[in-house]
Amino acid sequence: MIDFKTNLRKRIIYIIIGIVVSYLGVIPLSLLFYQLQSRELSDPVATYLFYESFRIGIMILFLYFAFVHVKPSFIPT
């Protein structure tokens, strides 16, 4: 029987870092857009969807690290 409580601290750290980066990671991205275009994307809906998809992607990446990359994995190989 695999004990999934091992490396629980590492999993929690990955999840916390993922939450923080998903909220704060948008700031450098918006500054980059400001420097490149001197304005936001022309369509406010497209801007919102882009930033939200970026945040969701970052969160999914860190959830992958927490649940699959840290051994023992929750997903059997």
PDB file of N, CA and C in Angstrom:
ATOM      1  N   MET A   1       0.841  -1.183   0.000  1.00  0.00           N
ATOM      2  CA  MET A   1       0.000   0.000   0.000  1.00  0.00           C
ATOM      3  C   MET A   1       0.885   1.245   0.000  1.00  0.00           C
ATOM      4  N   ILE A   2       0.593   2.147  -0.890  1.00  0.00           N
ATOM      5  CA  ILE A   2       1.371   3.376  -1.004  1.00  0.00           C
ATOM      6  C   ILE A   2       0.837   4.396  -0.001  1.00  0.00           C
ATOM      7  N   ASP A   3       1.742   4.989   0.754  1.00  0.00           N
ATOM      8  CA  ASP A   3       1.369   6.033   1.699  1.00  0.00           C
ATOM      9  C   ASP A   3       1.490   7.383   0.997  1.00  0.00           C
ATOM     10  N   PHE A   4       0.345   7.978   0.693  1.00  0.00           N
ATOM     11  CA  PHE A   4       0.338   9.249  -0.028  1.00  0.00           C
ATOM     12  C   PHE A   4       0.630  10.435   0.877  1.00  0.00           C
ATOM     13  N   LYS A   5       0.751  10.196   2.183  1.00  0.00           N
ATOM     14  CA  LYS A   5       1.063  11.292   3.099  1.00  0.00           C
ATOM     15  C   LYS A   5       2.543  11.643   3.080  1.00  0.00           C
ATOM     16  N   THR A   6       3.368  10.770   2.493  1.00  0.00           N
ATOM     17  CA  THR A   6       4.774  11.124   2.351  1.00  0.00           C
ATOM     18  C   THR A   6       4.875  12.260   1.338  1.00  0.00           C
ATOM     19  N   ASN A   7       5.783  13.148   1.580  1.00  0.00           N
ATOM     20  CA  ASN A   7       5.989  14.345   0.750  1.00  0.00           C
ATOM     21  C   ASN A   7       4.771  15.255   0.720  1.00  0.00           C
ATOM     22  N   LEU A   8       3.926  15.167   1.746  1.00  0.00           N
ATOM     23  CA  LEU A   8       2.750  16.032   1.814  1.00  0.00           C
ATOM     24  C   LEU A   8       3.156  17.498   1.931  1.00  0.00           C
ATOM     25  N   ARG A   9       4.223  17.747   2.668  1.00  0.00           N
ATOM     26  CA  ARG A   9       4.700  19.127   2.822  1.00  0.00           C
ATOM     27  C   ARG A   9       5.131  19.709   1.476  1.00  0.00           C
ATOM     28  N   LYS A  10       5.811  18.899   0.669  1.00  0.00           N
ATOM     29  CA  LYS A  10       6.248  19.366  -0.652  1.00  0.00           C
ATOM     30  C   LYS A  10       5.043  19.649  -1.549  1.00  0.00           C
ATOM     31  N   ARG A  11       4.008  18.807  -1.462  1.00  0.00           N
ATOM     32  CA  ARG A  11       2.802  19.027  -2.260  1.00  0.00           C
ATOM     33  C   ARG A  11       2.122  20.338  -1.870  1.00  0.00           C
ATOM     34  N   ILE A  12       2.015  20.577  -0.567  1.00  0.00           N
ATOM     35  CA  ILE A  12       1.365  21.800  -0.094  1.00  0.00           C
ATOM     36  C   ILE A  12       2.157  23.027  -0.522  1.00  0.00           C
ATOM     37  N   ILE A  13       3.476  22.937  -0.470  1.00  0.00           N
ATOM     38  CA  ILE A  13       4.317  24.060  -0.905  1.00  0.00           C
ATOM     39  C   ILE A  13       4.109  24.344  -2.388  1.00  0.00           C
ATOM     40  N   TYR A  14       4.046  23.287  -3.212  1.00  0.00           N
ATOM     41  CA  TYR A  14       3.796  23.488  -4.647  1.00  0.00           C
ATOM     42  C   TYR A  14       2.440  24.153  -4.880  1.00  0.00           C
ATOM     43  N   ILE A  15       1.426  23.754  -4.143  1.00  0.00           N
ATOM     44  CA  ILE A  15       0.097  24.337  -4.335  1.00  0.00           C
ATOM     45  C   ILE A  15       0.084  25.800  -3.915  1.00  0.00           C
ATOM     46  N   ILE A  16       0.719  26.120  -2.796  1.00  0.00           N
ATOM     47  CA  ILE A  16       0.769  27.517  -2.341  1.00  0.00           C
ATOM     48  C   ILE A  16       1.543  28.382  -3.328  1.00  0.00           C
ATOM     49  N   ILE A  17       2.677  27.878  -3.807  1.00  0.00           N
ATOM     50  CA  ILE A  17       3.455  28.628  -4.807  1.00  0.00           C
ATOM     51  C   ILE A  17       2.633  28.813  -6.080  1.00  0.00           C
ATOM     52  N   GLY A  18       1.883  27.788  -6.476  1.00  0.00           N
ATOM     53  CA  GLY A  18       1.040  27.897  -7.664  1.00  0.00           C
ATOM     54  C   GLY A  18      -0.027  28.963  -7.537  1.00  0.00           C
ATOM     55  N   ILE A  19      -0.645  29.046  -6.360  1.00  0.00           N
ATOM     56  CA  ILE A  19      -1.669  30.068  -6.140  1.00  0.00           C
ATOM     57  C   ILE A  19      -1.050  31.464  -6.190  1.00  0.00           C
ATOM     58  N   VAL A  20       0.079  31.634  -5.526  1.00  0.00           N
ATOM     59  CA  VAL A  20       0.734  32.947  -5.503  1.00  0.00           C
ATOM     60  C   VAL A  20       1.191  33.354  -6.901  1.00  0.00           C
ATOM     61  N   VAL A  21       1.818  32.427  -7.618  1.00  0.00           N
ATOM     62  CA  VAL A  21       2.321  32.752  -8.958  1.00  0.00           C
ATOM     63  C   VAL A  21       1.172  33.002  -9.927  1.00  0.00           C
ATOM     64  N   SER A  22       0.062  32.282  -9.776  1.00  0.00           N
ATOM     65  CA  SER A  22      -1.051  32.507 -10.696  1.00  0.00           C
ATOM     66  C   SER A  22      -1.666  33.889 -10.507  1.00  0.00           C
ATOM     67  N   TYR A  23      -1.599  34.440  -9.289  1.00  0.00           N
ATOM     68  CA  TYR A  23      -2.109  35.793  -9.078  1.00  0.00           C
ATOM     69  C   TYR A  23      -1.067  36.857  -9.398  1.00  0.00           C
ATOM     70  N   LEU A  24       0.182  36.633  -9.011  1.00  0.00           N
ATOM     71  CA  LEU A  24       1.209  37.651  -9.220  1.00  0.00           C
ATOM     72  C   LEU A  24       1.908  37.526 -10.573  1.00  0.00           C
ATOM     73  N   GLY A  25       1.757  36.403 -11.249  1.00  0.00           N
ATOM     74  CA  GLY A  25       2.409  36.209 -12.535  1.00  0.00           C
ATOM     75  C   GLY A  25       1.816  37.039 -13.648  1.00  0.00           C
ATOM     76  N   VAL A  26       0.626  37.574 -13.427  1.00  0.00           N
ATOM     77  CA  VAL A  26      -0.027  38.407 -14.435  1.00  0.00           C
ATOM     78  C   VAL A  26       0.613  39.791 -14.481  1.00  0.00           C
ATOM     79  N   ILE A  27       1.201  40.228 -13.379  1.00  0.00           N
ATOM     80  CA  ILE A  27       1.791  41.571 -13.314  1.00  0.00           C
ATOM     81  C   ILE A  27       2.938  41.745 -14.315  1.00  0.00           C
ATOM     82  N   PRO A  28       3.958  40.847 -14.358  1.00  0.00           N
ATOM     83  CA  PRO A  28       5.005  41.035 -15.369  1.00  0.00           C
ATOM     84  C   PRO A  28       4.482  40.912 -16.792  1.00  0.00           C
ATOM     85  N   LEU A  29       3.462  40.081 -16.978  1.00  0.00           N
ATOM     86  CA  LEU A  29       2.889  39.921 -18.309  1.00  0.00           C
ATOM     87  C   LEU A  29       2.203  41.208 -18.761  1.00  0.00           C
ATOM     88  N   SER A  30       1.475  41.855 -17.870  1.00  0.00           N
ATOM     89  CA  SER A  30       0.821  43.114 -18.247  1.00  0.00           C
ATOM     90  C   SER A  30       1.844  44.222 -18.460  1.00  0.00           C
ATOM     91  N   LEU A  31       2.932  44.221 -17.680  1.00  0.00           N
ATOM     92  CA  LEU A  31       3.994  45.210 -17.906  1.00  0.00           C
ATOM     93  C   LEU A  31       4.681  44.988 -19.250  1.00  0.00           C
ATOM     94  N   LEU A  32       4.853  43.739 -19.636  1.00  0.00           N
ATOM     95  CA  LEU A  32       5.440  43.432 -20.939  1.00  0.00           C
ATOM     96  C   LEU A  32       4.537  43.935 -22.059  1.00  0.00           C
ATOM     97  N   PHE A  33       3.222  43.703 -21.944  1.00  0.00           N
ATOM     98  CA  PHE A  33       2.298  44.214 -22.948  1.00  0.00           C
ATOM     99  C   PHE A  33       2.332  45.731 -23.005  1.00  0.00           C
ATOM    100  N   TYR A  34       2.449  46.367 -21.848  1.00  0.00           N
ATOM    101  CA  TYR A  34       2.486  47.829 -21.814  1.00  0.00           C
ATOM    102  C   TYR A  34       3.727  48.351 -22.532  1.00  0.00           C
ATOM    103  N   GLN A  35       4.865  47.701 -22.355  1.00  0.00           N
ATOM    104  CA  GLN A  35       6.093  48.138 -23.015  1.00  0.00           C
ATOM    105  C   GLN A  35       6.048  47.866 -24.516  1.00  0.00           C
ATOM    106  N   LEU A  36       5.452  46.757 -24.915  1.00  0.00           N
ATOM    107  CA  LEU A  36       5.440  46.408 -26.334  1.00  0.00           C
ATOM    108  C   LEU A  36       4.415  47.213 -27.124  1.00  0.00           C
ATOM    109  N   GLN A  37       3.243  47.440 -26.539  1.00  0.00           N
ATOM    110  CA  GLN A  37       2.170  48.063 -27.297  1.00  0.00           C
ATOM    111  C   GLN A  37       1.799  49.449 -26.808  1.00  0.00           C
ATOM    112  N   SER A  38       2.240  49.828 -25.643  1.00  0.00           N
ATOM    113  CA  SER A  38       1.868  51.085 -24.989  1.00  0.00           C
ATOM    114  C   SER A  38       0.370  51.171 -24.731  1.00  0.00           C
ATOM    115  N   ARG A  39      -0.307  50.043 -24.768  1.00  0.00           N
ATOM    116  CA  ARG A  39      -1.728  49.966 -24.422  1.00  0.00           C
ATOM    117  C   ARG A  39      -2.075  48.492 -24.219  1.00  0.00           C
ATOM    118  N   GLU A  40      -3.234  48.257 -23.683  1.00  0.00           N
ATOM    119  CA  GLU A  40      -3.714  46.889 -23.510  1.00  0.00           C
ATOM    120  C   GLU A  40      -4.161  46.343 -24.867  1.00  0.00           C
ATOM    121  N   LEU A  41      -4.548  45.090 -24.881  1.00  0.00           N
ATOM    122  CA  LEU A  41      -5.124  44.541 -26.099  1.00  0.00           C
ATOM    123  C   LEU A  41      -6.377  45.339 -26.449  1.00  0.00           C
ATOM    124  N   SER A  42      -6.681  45.430 -27.722  1.00  0.00           N
ATOM    125  CA  SER A  42      -7.758  46.319 -28.158  1.00  0.00           C
ATOM    126  C   SER A  42      -9.127  45.886 -27.635  1.00  0.00           C
ATOM    127  N   ASP A  43      -9.366  44.608 -27.521  1.00  0.00           N
ATOM    128  CA  ASP A  43     -10.658  44.111 -27.071  1.00  0.00           C
ATOM    129  C   ASP A  43     -10.581  43.763 -25.586  1.00  0.00           C
ATOM    130  N   PRO A  44     -11.401  44.366 -24.732  1.00  0.00           N
ATOM    131  CA  PRO A  44     -11.315  44.065 -23.300  1.00  0.00           C
ATOM    132  C   PRO A  44     -11.670  42.617 -22.972  1.00  0.00           C
ATOM    133  N   VAL A  45     -12.563  42.016 -23.755  1.00  0.00           N
ATOM    134  CA  VAL A  45     -12.909  40.611 -23.520  1.00  0.00           C
ATOM    135  C   VAL A  45     -11.716  39.720 -23.840  1.00  0.00           C
ATOM    136  N   ALA A  46     -11.010  40.018 -24.922  1.00  0.00           N
ATOM    137  CA  ALA A  46      -9.825  39.238 -25.281  1.00  0.00           C
ATOM    138  C   ALA A  46      -8.734  39.394 -24.230  1.00  0.00           C
ATOM    139  N   THR A  47      -8.580  40.595 -23.697  1.00  0.00           N
ATOM    140  CA  THR A  47      -7.594  40.825 -22.641  1.00  0.00           C
ATOM    141  C   THR A  47      -7.930  40.009 -21.410  1.00  0.00           C
ATOM    142  N   TYR A  48      -9.190  40.053 -20.994  1.00  0.00           N
ATOM    143  CA  TYR A  48      -9.619  39.292 -19.817  1.00  0.00           C
ATOM    144  C   TYR A  48      -9.420  37.798 -20.031  1.00  0.00           C
ATOM    145  N   LEU A  49      -9.825  37.285 -21.179  1.00  0.00           N
ATOM    146  CA  LEU A  49      -9.690  35.854 -21.453  1.00  0.00           C
ATOM    147  C   LEU A  49      -8.229  35.432 -21.526  1.00  0.00           C
ATOM    148  N   PHE A  50      -7.374  36.292 -22.065  1.00  0.00           N
ATOM    149  CA  PHE A  50      -5.956  35.962 -22.145  1.00  0.00           C
ATOM    150  C   PHE A  50      -5.342  35.859 -20.758  1.00  0.00           C
ATOM    151  N   TYR A  51      -5.599  36.858 -19.908  1.00  0.00           N
ATOM    152  CA  TYR A  51      -5.032  36.839 -18.560  1.00  0.00           C
ATOM    153  C   TYR A  51      -5.578  35.673 -17.742  1.00  0.00           C
ATOM    154  N   GLU A  52      -6.870  35.389 -17.864  1.00  0.00           N
ATOM    155  CA  GLU A  52      -7.453  34.281 -17.106  1.00  0.00           C
ATOM    156  C   GLU A  52      -6.932  32.935 -17.596  1.00  0.00           C
ATOM    157  N   SER A  53      -6.762  32.775 -18.906  1.00  0.00           N
ATOM    158  CA  SER A  53      -6.212  31.511 -19.407  1.00  0.00           C
ATOM    159  C   SER A  53      -4.756  31.351 -18.985  1.00  0.00           C
ATOM    160  N   PHE A  54      -4.015  32.445 -18.893  1.00  0.00           N
ATOM    161  CA  PHE A  54      -2.640  32.391 -18.397  1.00  0.00           C
ATOM    162  C   PHE A  54      -2.621  31.952 -16.936  1.00  0.00           C
ATOM    163  N   ARG A  55      -3.495  32.531 -16.118  1.00  0.00           N
ATOM    164  CA  ARG A  55      -3.552  32.169 -14.700  1.00  0.00           C
ATOM    165  C   ARG A  55      -3.957  30.713 -14.513  1.00  0.00           C
ATOM    166  N   ILE A  56      -4.938  30.253 -15.268  1.00  0.00           N
ATOM    167  CA  ILE A  56      -5.381  28.864 -15.154  1.00  0.00           C
ATOM    168  C   ILE A  56      -4.271  27.921 -15.598  1.00  0.00           C
ATOM    169  N   GLY A  57      -3.553  28.273 -16.656  1.00  0.00           N
ATOM    170  CA  GLY A  57      -2.442  27.438 -17.119  1.00  0.00           C
ATOM    171  C   GLY A  57      -1.333  27.315 -16.097  1.00  0.00           C
ATOM    172  N   ILE A  58      -0.986  28.417 -15.449  1.00  0.00           N
ATOM    173  CA  ILE A  58       0.041  28.384 -14.404  1.00  0.00           C
ATOM    174  C   ILE A  58      -0.424  27.517 -13.237  1.00  0.00           C
ATOM    175  N   MET A  59      -1.687  27.652 -12.851  1.00  0.00           N
ATOM    176  CA  MET A  59      -2.199  26.854 -11.731  1.00  0.00           C
ATOM    177  C   MET A  59      -2.212  25.371 -12.078  1.00  0.00           C
ATOM    178  N   ILE A  60      -2.590  25.023 -13.296  1.00  0.00           N
ATOM    179  CA  ILE A  60      -2.589  23.620 -13.726  1.00  0.00           C
ATOM    180  C   ILE A  60      -1.171  23.068 -13.726  1.00  0.00           C
ATOM    181  N   LEU A  61      -0.204  23.872 -14.130  1.00  0.00           N
ATOM    182  CA  LEU A  61       1.191  23.429 -14.119  1.00  0.00           C
ATOM    183  C   LEU A  61       1.649  23.085 -12.707  1.00  0.00           C
ATOM    184  N   PHE A  62       1.355  23.947 -11.748  1.00  0.00           N
ATOM    185  CA  PHE A  62       1.777  23.672 -10.378  1.00  0.00           C
ATOM    186  C   PHE A  62       0.977  22.536  -9.747  1.00  0.00           C
ATOM    187  N   LEU A  63      -0.288  22.360 -10.128  1.00  0.00           N
ATOM    188  CA  LEU A  63      -1.042  21.202  -9.647  1.00  0.00           C
ATOM    189  C   LEU A  63      -0.462  19.913 -10.209  1.00  0.00           C
ATOM    190  N   TYR A  64      -0.006  19.951 -11.457  1.00  0.00           N
ATOM    191  CA  TYR A  64       0.672  18.789 -12.026  1.00  0.00           C
ATOM    192  C   TYR A  64       1.919  18.455 -11.219  1.00  0.00           C
ATOM    193  N   PHE A  65       2.720  19.477 -10.911  1.00  0.00           N
ATOM    194  CA  PHE A  65       3.914  19.236 -10.095  1.00  0.00           C
ATOM    195  C   PHE A  65       3.543  18.635  -8.748  1.00  0.00           C
ATOM    196  N   ALA A  66       2.480  19.134  -8.120  1.00  0.00           N
ATOM    197  CA  ALA A  66       2.110  18.680  -6.781  1.00  0.00           C
ATOM    198  C   ALA A  66       1.576  17.257  -6.777  1.00  0.00           C
ATOM    199  N   PHE A  67       0.787  16.887  -7.772  1.00  0.00           N
ATOM    200  CA  PHE A  67       0.106  15.599  -7.711  1.00  0.00           C
ATOM    201  C   PHE A  67       0.717  14.515  -8.580  1.00  0.00           C
ATOM    202  N   VAL A  68       1.494  14.862  -9.576  1.00  0.00           N
ATOM    203  CA  VAL A  68       2.069  13.848 -10.460  1.00  0.00           C
ATOM    204  C   VAL A  68       3.580  13.794 -10.329  1.00  0.00           C
ATOM    205  N   HIS A  69       4.233  14.936 -10.282  1.00  0.00           N
ATOM    206  CA  HIS A  69       5.695  14.981 -10.276  1.00  0.00           C
ATOM    207  C   HIS A  69       6.279  14.549  -8.934  1.00  0.00           C
ATOM    208  N   VAL A  70       5.639  14.934  -7.828  1.00  0.00           N
ATOM    209  CA  VAL A  70       6.127  14.559  -6.502  1.00  0.00           C
ATOM    210  C   VAL A  70       5.800  13.090  -6.268  1.00  0.00           C
ATOM    211  N   LYS A  71       6.797  12.319  -5.888  1.00  0.00           N
ATOM    212  CA  LYS A  71       6.613  10.883  -5.673  1.00  0.00           C
ATOM    213  C   LYS A  71       6.250  10.612  -4.234  1.00  0.00           C
ATOM    214  N   PRO A  72       5.350   9.698  -3.912  1.00  0.00           N
ATOM    215  CA  PRO A  72       4.582   8.835  -4.805  1.00  0.00           C
ATOM    216  C   PRO A  72       3.468   9.622  -5.498  1.00  0.00           C
ATOM    217  N   SER A  73       3.281   9.338  -6.749  1.00  0.00           N
ATOM    218  CA  SER A  73       2.327  10.058  -7.568  1.00  0.00           C
ATOM    219  C   SER A  73       0.908   9.585  -7.271  1.00  0.00           C
ATOM    220  N   PHE A  74      -0.055  10.497  -7.391  1.00  0.00           N
ATOM    221  CA  PHE A  74      -1.454  10.116  -7.249  1.00  0.00           C
ATOM    222  C   PHE A  74      -1.965   9.397  -8.490  1.00  0.00           C
ATOM    223  N   ILE A  75      -1.259   9.534  -9.584  1.00  0.00           N
ATOM    224  CA  ILE A  75      -1.647   8.881 -10.834  1.00  0.00           C
ATOM    225  C   ILE A  75      -0.694   7.723 -11.068  1.00  0.00           C
ATOM    226  N   PRO A  76      -1.219   6.498 -11.117  1.00  0.00           N
ATOM    227  CA  PRO A  76      -0.319   5.346 -11.296  1.00  0.00           C
ATOM    228  C   PRO A  76       0.336   5.353 -12.671  1.00  0.00           C
ATOM    229  N   THR A  77       1.586   4.922 -12.700  1.00  0.00           N
ATOM    230  CA  THR A  77       2.304   4.886 -13.981  1.00  0.00           C
ATOM    231  C   THR A  77       2.394   3.489 -14.518  1.00  0.00           C
TER     232      THR A  77
END
